[in-house]
Amino acid sequence: MVAARKFFVGGNFKMNGSLKEVETIVQRINEANFDGSTELVVAPPALYLLKIQEELKNPAEVSAQNSYTEKSGAFTGEISPNQLKDANVHWVILGHSERRSLFGDTDKLVADKTKAAVEAGLAVIACIGESLEQREKNETQAVVERQLEAIANEISESQWKDIVIAYEPVWAIGTGKVATKEQAQEVHANIRQWLAKRVSQSVADQTRIIYGGSVNGKNCADLANAADIDGFLVGGASLKPEFIDIVNSQKA
């Protein structure tokens, strides 16, 4: 019998908020009524990571929004996964579409960052997803498989336990557009089938595949009911009161 996958919600604050504003968001999370059935991770701007880590109450944890491939060295402006681990930060988001499109993170670089992160002892939210043009050309599955293949080439089967896959169709991020429950479920199911074929059935059964792309308080409950959607990576809505409803959406 396959063990139930624990629902997972990540809040990606991106480059938003003053320290005071971020602390207000964290206070809202601390005061919320969570029953522990959802694993919750929030990713504030790097400058505020340690401060928020001190203020955030269990069971929520903090995540970095990015890390580099090397342990140390002359890489001005970067943060190494080993430094994150040393600072007791256990999570990192890698491969977000904004990193890929704005900063040139290739599939190989994302895979190398992922390898370095898991080897440093971090857990990774690995983001994948297609553009609108790619979806209209029916290339969605080819794109997400290409992105996942790069990661699979760099990590072992046992290291997949430290990976949460975030499927984020680029056309739905910050646009207000959202994949339908059926569209998202189809891709998530295909990803799980790919994991079974490429890695192993046990990895496919155990890996959490979460959805991101204009998730909000109104659409989260419907999406959460899909068989292969194991949670959400939330952008703009994570800054708002409705984030609490999203975290609790599995119970809705």
C-alpha atoms as a PDB file:
ATOM      1  CA  MET A   1       0.000   0.000   0.000  1.00  0.00           C
ATOM      2  CA  VAL A   2       1.336   3.443  -0.944  1.00  0.00           C
ATOM      3  CA  ALA A   3       1.802   5.782   2.021  1.00  0.00           C
ATOM      4  CA  ALA A   4      -0.097   9.055   1.791  1.00  0.00           C
ATOM      5  CA  ARG A   5       1.987  11.996   0.641  1.00  0.00           C
ATOM      6  CA  LYS A   6       1.908  14.868   3.126  1.00  0.00           C
ATOM      7  CA  PHE A   7       0.317  17.991   1.645  1.00  0.00           C
ATOM      8  CA  PHE A   8       2.933  20.695   1.032  1.00  0.00           C
ATOM      9  CA  VAL A   9       2.534  24.455   0.637  1.00  0.00           C
ATOM     10  CA  GLY A  10       5.363  26.851  -0.099  1.00  0.00           C
ATOM     11  CA  GLY A  11       5.052  30.622  -0.016  1.00  0.00           C
ATOM     12  CA  ASN A  12       7.496  32.383  -2.343  1.00  0.00           C
ATOM     13  CA  PHE A  13       7.644  36.045  -1.348  1.00  0.00           C
ATOM     14  CA  LYS A  14      10.036  36.789  -4.249  1.00  0.00           C
ATOM     15  CA  MET A  15      11.638  40.275  -4.007  1.00  0.00           C
ATOM     16  CA  ASN A  16       8.714  41.767  -2.114  1.00  0.00           C
ATOM     17  CA  GLY A  17       8.180  43.445   1.216  1.00  0.00           C
ATOM     18  CA  SER A  18      10.092  45.495   3.745  1.00  0.00           C
ATOM     19  CA  LEU A  19      11.205  43.717   6.899  1.00  0.00           C
ATOM     20  CA  LYS A  20       8.193  45.130   8.712  1.00  0.00           C
ATOM     21  CA  GLU A  21       5.819  43.919   5.983  1.00  0.00           C
ATOM     22  CA  VAL A  22       7.366  40.446   5.953  1.00  0.00           C
ATOM     23  CA  GLU A  23       7.157  40.262   9.730  1.00  0.00           C
ATOM     24  CA  THR A  24       3.452  41.110   9.508  1.00  0.00           C
ATOM     25  CA  ILE A  25       2.951  38.175   7.124  1.00  0.00           C
ATOM     26  CA  VAL A  26       4.848  35.880   9.484  1.00  0.00           C
ATOM     27  CA  GLN A  27       2.773  37.055  12.452  1.00  0.00           C
ATOM     28  CA  ARG A  28      -0.366  36.165  10.485  1.00  0.00           C
ATOM     29  CA  ILE A  29       1.032  32.681   9.868  1.00  0.00           C
ATOM     30  CA  ASN A  30       2.025  32.268  13.512  1.00  0.00           C
ATOM     31  CA  GLU A  31      -1.474  33.199  14.661  1.00  0.00           C
ATOM     32  CA  ALA A  32      -3.235  30.885  12.203  1.00  0.00           C
ATOM     33  CA  ASN A  33      -4.853  27.622  13.206  1.00  0.00           C
ATOM     34  CA  PHE A  34      -2.940  24.787  11.530  1.00  0.00           C
ATOM     35  CA  ASP A  35      -3.408  21.150  12.524  1.00  0.00           C
ATOM     36  CA  GLY A  36      -0.035  19.920  11.241  1.00  0.00           C
ATOM     37  CA  SER A  37      -1.474  17.997   8.289  1.00  0.00           C
ATOM     38  CA  THR A  38       0.256  20.366   5.836  1.00  0.00           C
ATOM     39  CA  GLU A  39       3.993  20.935   5.597  1.00  0.00           C
ATOM     40  CA  LEU A  40       4.519  24.691   5.331  1.00  0.00           C
ATOM     41  CA  VAL A  41       7.593  26.500   4.039  1.00  0.00           C
ATOM     42  CA  VAL A  42       7.968  30.229   3.337  1.00  0.00           C
ATOM     43  CA  ALA A  43      10.705  31.868   1.270  1.00  0.00           C
ATOM     44  CA  PRO A  44      11.337  35.502   2.223  1.00  0.00           C
ATOM     45  CA  PRO A  45      13.993  37.628   0.520  1.00  0.00           C
ATOM     46  CA  ALA A  46      17.476  36.369   1.441  1.00  0.00           C
ATOM     47  CA  LEU A  47      18.242  39.465   3.507  1.00  0.00           C
ATOM     48  CA  TYR A  48      15.442  38.552   5.924  1.00  0.00           C
ATOM     49  CA  LEU A  49      15.930  34.776   6.068  1.00  0.00           C
ATOM     50  CA  LEU A  50      17.569  34.494   9.466  1.00  0.00           C
ATOM     51  CA  LYS A  51      15.373  37.119  11.104  1.00  0.00           C
ATOM     52  CA  ILE A  52      12.217  35.408   9.875  1.00  0.00           C
ATOM     53  CA  GLN A  53      13.595  32.026  10.856  1.00  0.00           C
ATOM     54  CA  GLU A  54      13.832  33.287  14.452  1.00  0.00           C
ATOM     55  CA  GLU A  55      10.269  34.611  14.425  1.00  0.00           C
ATOM     56  CA  LEU A  56       8.492  31.828  12.560  1.00  0.00           C
ATOM     57  CA  LYS A  57       6.844  29.282  14.820  1.00  0.00           C
ATOM     58  CA  ASN A  58       6.769  25.558  14.205  1.00  0.00           C
ATOM     59  CA  PRO A  59       5.751  23.699  12.185  1.00  0.00           C
ATOM     60  CA  ALA A  60       6.537  26.260   9.470  1.00  0.00           C
ATOM     61  CA  GLU A  61      10.070  26.519   8.103  1.00  0.00           C
ATOM     62  CA  VAL A  62      11.960  28.996   5.946  1.00  0.00           C
ATOM     63  CA  SER A  63      13.381  28.426   2.479  1.00  0.00           C
ATOM     64  CA  ALA A  64      15.931  30.303   0.417  1.00  0.00           C
ATOM     65  CA  GLN A  65      14.804  31.401  -3.049  1.00  0.00           C
ATOM     66  CA  ASN A  66      18.030  30.316  -4.752  1.00  0.00           C
ATOM     67  CA  SER A  67      21.506  28.922  -4.117  1.00  0.00           C
ATOM     68  CA  TYR A  68      24.652  28.297  -6.143  1.00  0.00           C
ATOM     69  CA  THR A  69      26.525  25.183  -7.257  1.00  0.00           C
ATOM     70  CA  GLU A  70      29.691  25.666  -5.195  1.00  0.00           C
ATOM     71  CA  LYS A  71      30.452  25.351  -1.486  1.00  0.00           C
ATOM     72  CA  SER A  72      32.508  28.552  -1.389  1.00  0.00           C
ATOM     73  CA  GLY A  73      34.667  30.783  -3.535  1.00  0.00           C
ATOM     74  CA  ALA A  74      34.839  34.003  -5.507  1.00  0.00           C
ATOM     75  CA  PHE A  75      31.169  34.141  -6.509  1.00  0.00           C
ATOM     76  CA  THR A  76      30.073  37.610  -5.499  1.00  0.00           C
ATOM     77  CA  GLY A  77      26.395  37.897  -4.644  1.00  0.00           C
ATOM     78  CA  GLU A  78      25.730  34.155  -4.476  1.00  0.00           C
ATOM     79  CA  ILE A  79      24.792  31.980  -1.496  1.00  0.00           C
ATOM     80  CA  SER A  80      26.139  28.449  -1.220  1.00  0.00           C
ATOM     81  CA  PRO A  81      23.902  25.578  -0.134  1.00  0.00           C
ATOM     82  CA  ASN A  82      26.457  24.754   2.540  1.00  0.00           C
ATOM     83  CA  GLN A  83      26.096  28.254   3.993  1.00  0.00           C
ATOM     84  CA  LEU A  84      22.319  27.799   4.070  1.00  0.00           C
ATOM     85  CA  LYS A  85      22.718  24.476   5.852  1.00  0.00           C
ATOM     86  CA  ASP A  86      25.160  26.057   8.296  1.00  0.00           C
ATOM     87  CA  ALA A  87      22.572  28.754   9.034  1.00  0.00           C
ATOM     88  CA  ASN A  88      19.977  26.039   9.753  1.00  0.00           C
ATOM     89  CA  VAL A  89      17.961  26.832   6.611  1.00  0.00           C
ATOM     90  CA  HIS A  90      16.726  23.481   5.319  1.00  0.00           C
ATOM     91  CA  TRP A  91      14.952  24.363   2.054  1.00  0.00           C
ATOM     92  CA  VAL A  92      15.758  26.099  -1.221  1.00  0.00           C
ATOM     93  CA  ILE A  93      13.694  26.893  -4.327  1.00  0.00           C
ATOM     94  CA  LEU A  94      15.572  26.142  -7.547  1.00  0.00           C
ATOM     95  CA  GLY A  95      14.715  26.535 -11.216  1.00  0.00           C
ATOM     96  CA  HIS A  96      11.879  29.014 -10.809  1.00  0.00           C
ATOM     97  CA  SER A  97      10.790  30.317 -14.221  1.00  0.00           C
ATOM     98  CA  GLU A  98      11.941  33.822 -13.277  1.00  0.00           C
ATOM     99  CA  ARG A  99      15.429  32.469 -12.631  1.00  0.00           C
ATOM    100  CA  ARG A 100      15.341  30.658 -15.948  1.00  0.00           C
ATOM    101  CA  SER A 101      13.957  33.524 -18.044  1.00  0.00           C
ATOM    102  CA  LEU A 102      15.472  36.595 -16.367  1.00  0.00           C
ATOM    103  CA  PHE A 103      18.795  35.282 -15.116  1.00  0.00           C
ATOM    104  CA  GLY A 104      19.622  32.595 -17.650  1.00  0.00           C
ATOM    105  CA  ASP A 105      19.448  29.524 -15.418  1.00  0.00           C
ATOM    106  CA  THR A 106      19.649  26.628 -17.873  1.00  0.00           C
ATOM    107  CA  ASP A 107      18.330  23.112 -17.281  1.00  0.00           C
ATOM    108  CA  LYS A 108      21.923  22.002 -16.609  1.00  0.00           C
ATOM    109  CA  LEU A 109      22.599  24.825 -14.144  1.00  0.00           C
ATOM    110  CA  VAL A 110      19.368  24.085 -12.279  1.00  0.00           C
ATOM    111  CA  ALA A 111      20.354  20.416 -12.152  1.00  0.00           C
ATOM    112  CA  ASP A 112      23.839  21.268 -10.881  1.00  0.00           C
ATOM    113  CA  LYS A 113      22.364  23.567  -8.241  1.00  0.00           C
ATOM    114  CA  THR A 114      19.976  20.788  -7.216  1.00  0.00           C
ATOM    115  CA  LYS A 115      22.803  18.279  -6.902  1.00  0.00           C
ATOM    116  CA  ALA A 116      24.855  20.680  -4.786  1.00  0.00           C
ATOM    117  CA  ALA A 117      21.868  21.460  -2.574  1.00  0.00           C
ATOM    118  CA  VAL A 118      20.907  17.870  -1.799  1.00  0.00           C
ATOM    119  CA  GLU A 119      24.548  16.931  -1.239  1.00  0.00           C
ATOM    120  CA  ALA A 120      24.761  19.785   1.275  1.00  0.00           C
ATOM    121  CA  GLY A 121      21.756  18.314   3.087  1.00  0.00           C
ATOM    122  CA  LEU A 122      19.071  20.688   1.827  1.00  0.00           C
ATOM    123  CA  ALA A 123      15.621  19.816   0.565  1.00  0.00           C
ATOM    124  CA  VAL A 124      14.780  21.318  -2.835  1.00  0.00           C
ATOM    125  CA  ILE A 125      11.608  22.705  -4.356  1.00  0.00           C
ATOM    126  CA  ALA A 126      12.500  22.067  -8.006  1.00  0.00           C
ATOM    127  CA  CYS A 127      10.438  24.180 -10.396  1.00  0.00           C
ATOM    128  CA  ILE A 128       9.520  23.121 -13.909  1.00  0.00           C
ATOM    129  CA  GLY A 129       6.979  24.341 -16.455  1.00  0.00           C
ATOM    130  CA  GLU A 130       6.230  25.396 -20.005  1.00  0.00           C
ATOM    131  CA  SER A 131       5.588  28.728 -21.679  1.00  0.00           C
ATOM    132  CA  LEU A 132       2.280  29.603 -23.354  1.00  0.00           C
ATOM    133  CA  GLU A 133       3.864  29.119 -26.776  1.00  0.00           C
ATOM    134  CA  GLN A 134       5.089  25.663 -25.781  1.00  0.00           C
ATOM    135  CA  ARG A 135       1.658  24.684 -24.453  1.00  0.00           C
ATOM    136  CA  GLU A 136      -0.045  25.866 -27.634  1.00  0.00           C
ATOM    137  CA  LYS A 137       2.379  23.698 -29.611  1.00  0.00           C
ATOM    138  CA  ASN A 138       1.505  20.701 -27.407  1.00  0.00           C
ATOM    139  CA  GLU A 139       5.066  20.605 -26.075  1.00  0.00           C
ATOM    140  CA  THR A 140       4.194  20.672 -22.372  1.00  0.00           C
ATOM    141  CA  GLN A 141       5.221  17.121 -21.574  1.00  0.00           C
ATOM    142  CA  ALA A 142       8.398  17.305 -23.632  1.00  0.00           C
ATOM    143  CA  VAL A 143       9.440  20.480 -21.833  1.00  0.00           C
ATOM    144  CA  VAL A 144       8.820  19.241 -18.299  1.00  0.00           C
ATOM    145  CA  GLU A 145      10.480  15.898 -19.058  1.00  0.00           C
ATOM    146  CA  ARG A 146      13.544  17.691 -20.461  1.00  0.00           C
ATOM    147  CA  GLN A 147      13.787  19.807 -17.307  1.00  0.00           C
ATOM    148  CA  LEU A 148      13.356  16.769 -15.054  1.00  0.00           C
ATOM    149  CA  GLU A 149      15.772  14.648 -17.069  1.00  0.00           C
ATOM    150  CA  ALA A 150      18.539  17.169 -16.404  1.00  0.00           C
ATOM    151  CA  ILE A 151      17.952  16.758 -12.664  1.00  0.00           C
ATOM    152  CA  ALA A 152      17.638  12.982 -12.872  1.00  0.00           C
ATOM    153  CA  ASN A 153      21.035  12.842 -14.581  1.00  0.00           C
ATOM    154  CA  GLU A 154      22.665  14.485 -11.560  1.00  0.00           C
ATOM    155  CA  ILE A 155      21.061  12.875  -8.515  1.00  0.00           C
ATOM    156  CA  SER A 156      20.667   9.322  -7.278  1.00  0.00           C
ATOM    157  CA  GLU A 157      17.399   7.504  -6.703  1.00  0.00           C
ATOM    158  CA  SER A 158      17.769   7.878  -2.935  1.00  0.00           C
ATOM    159  CA  GLN A 159      18.183  11.648  -3.241  1.00  0.00           C
ATOM    160  CA  TRP A 160      14.705  12.095  -4.737  1.00  0.00           C
ATOM    161  CA  LYS A 161      13.357  11.915  -1.174  1.00  0.00           C
ATOM    162  CA  ASP A 162      14.744  15.450  -0.767  1.00  0.00           C
ATOM    163  CA  ILE A 163      12.956  16.826  -3.844  1.00  0.00           C
ATOM    164  CA  VAL A 164       9.521  18.407  -4.121  1.00  0.00           C
ATOM    165  CA  ILE A 165       8.602  19.024  -7.770  1.00  0.00           C
ATOM    166  CA  ALA A 166       6.739  22.267  -8.412  1.00  0.00           C
ATOM    167  CA  TYR A 167       4.911  22.295 -11.740  1.00  0.00           C
ATOM    168  CA  GLU A 168       4.417  25.937 -12.632  1.00  0.00           C
ATOM    169  CA  PRO A 169       3.128  26.696 -16.129  1.00  0.00           C
ATOM    170  CA  VAL A 170       4.928  29.929 -16.978  1.00  0.00           C
ATOM    171  CA  TRP A 171       1.827  31.360 -18.611  1.00  0.00           C
ATOM    172  CA  ALA A 172      -0.026  31.161 -15.285  1.00  0.00           C
ATOM    173  CA  ILE A 173       2.570  32.761 -12.993  1.00  0.00           C
ATOM    174  CA  GLY A 174       1.504  36.204 -11.868  1.00  0.00           C
ATOM    175  CA  THR A 175      -0.921  36.559 -14.768  1.00  0.00           C
ATOM    176  CA  GLY A 176      -4.139  35.773 -12.967  1.00  0.00           C
ATOM    177  CA  LYS A 177      -4.588  32.848 -15.341  1.00  0.00           C
ATOM    178  CA  VAL A 178      -4.626  29.445 -13.739  1.00  0.00           C
ATOM    179  CA  ALA A 179      -4.524  25.978 -15.206  1.00  0.00           C
ATOM    180  CA  THR A 180      -7.823  24.184 -14.761  1.00  0.00           C
ATOM    181  CA  LYS A 181      -7.934  21.328 -12.311  1.00  0.00           C
ATOM    182  CA  GLU A 182      -8.013  18.970 -15.283  1.00  0.00           C
ATOM    183  CA  GLN A 183      -5.040  20.613 -17.029  1.00  0.00           C
ATOM    184  CA  ALA A 184      -2.925  20.571 -13.874  1.00  0.00           C
ATOM    185  CA  GLN A 185      -3.909  17.024 -12.914  1.00  0.00           C
ATOM    186  CA  GLU A 186      -3.035  15.747 -16.386  1.00  0.00           C
ATOM    187  CA  VAL A 187       0.490  17.151 -16.214  1.00  0.00           C
ATOM    188  CA  HIS A 188       0.998  16.012 -12.622  1.00  0.00           C
ATOM    189  CA  ALA A 189      -0.121  12.484 -13.495  1.00  0.00           C
ATOM    190  CA  ASN A 190       2.208  12.436 -16.503  1.00  0.00           C
ATOM    191  CA  ILE A 191       5.108  13.605 -14.337  1.00  0.00           C
ATOM    192  CA  ARG A 192       4.409  10.802 -11.872  1.00  0.00           C
ATOM    193  CA  GLN A 193       4.326   8.281 -14.716  1.00  0.00           C
ATOM    194  CA  TRP A 194       7.632   9.658 -15.974  1.00  0.00           C
ATOM    195  CA  LEU A 195       9.185   9.284 -12.519  1.00  0.00           C
ATOM    196  CA  ALA A 196       8.049   5.665 -12.381  1.00  0.00           C
ATOM    197  CA  LYS A 197       9.607   4.916 -15.756  1.00  0.00           C
ATOM    198  CA  ARG A 198      12.784   7.018 -15.425  1.00  0.00           C
ATOM    199  CA  VAL A 199      13.594   6.584 -11.725  1.00  0.00           C
ATOM    200  CA  SER A 200      11.427   4.040  -9.882  1.00  0.00           C
ATOM    201  CA  GLN A 201       7.855   3.304  -8.895  1.00  0.00           C
ATOM    202  CA  SER A 202       8.618   4.020  -5.240  1.00  0.00           C
ATOM    203  CA  VAL A 203      10.004   7.473  -6.104  1.00  0.00           C
ATOM    204  CA  ALA A 204       6.922   8.123  -8.228  1.00  0.00           C
ATOM    205  CA  ASP A 205       4.649   7.124  -5.354  1.00  0.00           C
ATOM    206  CA  GLN A 206       6.486   9.147  -2.718  1.00  0.00           C
ATOM    207  CA  THR A 207       7.521  12.343  -4.529  1.00  0.00           C
ATOM    208  CA  ARG A 208       5.274  15.296  -3.904  1.00  0.00           C
ATOM    209  CA  ILE A 209       4.295  17.201  -7.046  1.00  0.00           C
ATOM    210  CA  ILE A 210       2.849  20.611  -6.228  1.00  0.00           C
ATOM    211  CA  TYR A 211       1.195  23.193  -8.466  1.00  0.00           C
ATOM    212  CA  GLY A 212       2.056  26.863  -8.838  1.00  0.00           C
ATOM    213  CA  GLY A 213       0.610  29.571 -11.022  1.00  0.00           C
ATOM    214  CA  SER A 214      -1.860  32.183  -9.744  1.00  0.00           C
ATOM    215  CA  VAL A 215      -3.073  29.924  -6.932  1.00  0.00           C
ATOM    216  CA  ASN A 216      -5.404  31.869  -4.633  1.00  0.00           C
ATOM    217  CA  GLY A 217      -7.998  31.438  -1.935  1.00  0.00           C
ATOM    218  CA  LYS A 218     -10.775  30.907  -4.471  1.00  0.00           C
ATOM    219  CA  ASN A 219      -9.270  28.191  -6.668  1.00  0.00           C
ATOM    220  CA  CYS A 220      -7.085  26.287  -4.191  1.00  0.00           C
ATOM    221  CA  ALA A 221      -9.709  23.924  -2.762  1.00  0.00           C
ATOM    222  CA  ASP A 222     -10.726  22.622  -6.181  1.00  0.00           C
ATOM    223  CA  LEU A 223      -7.117  22.102  -7.254  1.00  0.00           C
ATOM    224  CA  ALA A 224      -6.256  20.416  -3.952  1.00  0.00           C
ATOM    225  CA  ASN A 225      -8.819  17.698  -4.664  1.00  0.00           C
ATOM    226  CA  ALA A 226      -6.951  16.423  -7.720  1.00  0.00           C
ATOM    227  CA  ALA A 227      -5.368  13.026  -7.150  1.00  0.00           C
ATOM    228  CA  ASP A 228      -1.825  13.973  -8.113  1.00  0.00           C
ATOM    229  CA  ILE A 229      -1.689  17.565  -6.824  1.00  0.00           C
ATOM    230  CA  ASP A 230       0.116  17.352  -3.495  1.00  0.00           C
ATOM    231  CA  GLY A 231       0.093  21.032  -2.617  1.00  0.00           C
ATOM    232  CA  PHE A 232       1.067  24.436  -3.949  1.00  0.00           C
ATOM    233  CA  LEU A 233       3.912  26.848  -4.490  1.00  0.00           C
ATOM    234  CA  VAL A 234       2.260  30.219  -3.980  1.00  0.00           C
ATOM    235  CA  GLY A 235       3.593  33.557  -5.195  1.00  0.00           C
ATOM    236  CA  GLY A 236       1.643  36.795  -4.791  1.00  0.00           C
ATOM    237  CA  ALA A 237      -1.119  35.271  -2.689  1.00  0.00           C
ATOM    238  CA  SER A 238       1.425  34.215  -0.060  1.00  0.00           C
ATOM    239  CA  LEU A 239       1.713  37.898   0.865  1.00  0.00           C
ATOM    240  CA  LYS A 240      -2.017  38.168   1.571  1.00  0.00           C
ATOM    241  CA  PRO A 241      -4.387  36.893   4.291  1.00  0.00           C
ATOM    242  CA  GLU A 242      -5.817  34.330   1.853  1.00  0.00           C
ATOM    243  CA  PHE A 243      -2.537  32.385   2.145  1.00  0.00           C
ATOM    244  CA  ILE A 244      -3.926  30.830   5.322  1.00  0.00           C
ATOM    245  CA  ASP A 245      -6.887  29.467   3.347  1.00  0.00           C
ATOM    246  CA  ILE A 246      -4.502  28.008   0.779  1.00  0.00           C
ATOM    247  CA  VAL A 247      -2.465  26.238   3.481  1.00  0.00           C
ATOM    248  CA  ASN A 248      -5.703  24.782   4.840  1.00  0.00           C
ATOM    249  CA  SER A 249      -7.155  23.962   1.410  1.00  0.00           C
ATOM    250  CA  GLN A 250      -6.692  20.222   1.710  1.00  0.00           C
ATOM    251  CA  LYS A 251      -9.296  20.269   4.497  1.00  0.00           C
ATOM    252  CA  ALA A 252     -11.770  22.428   2.552  1.00  0.00           C
END
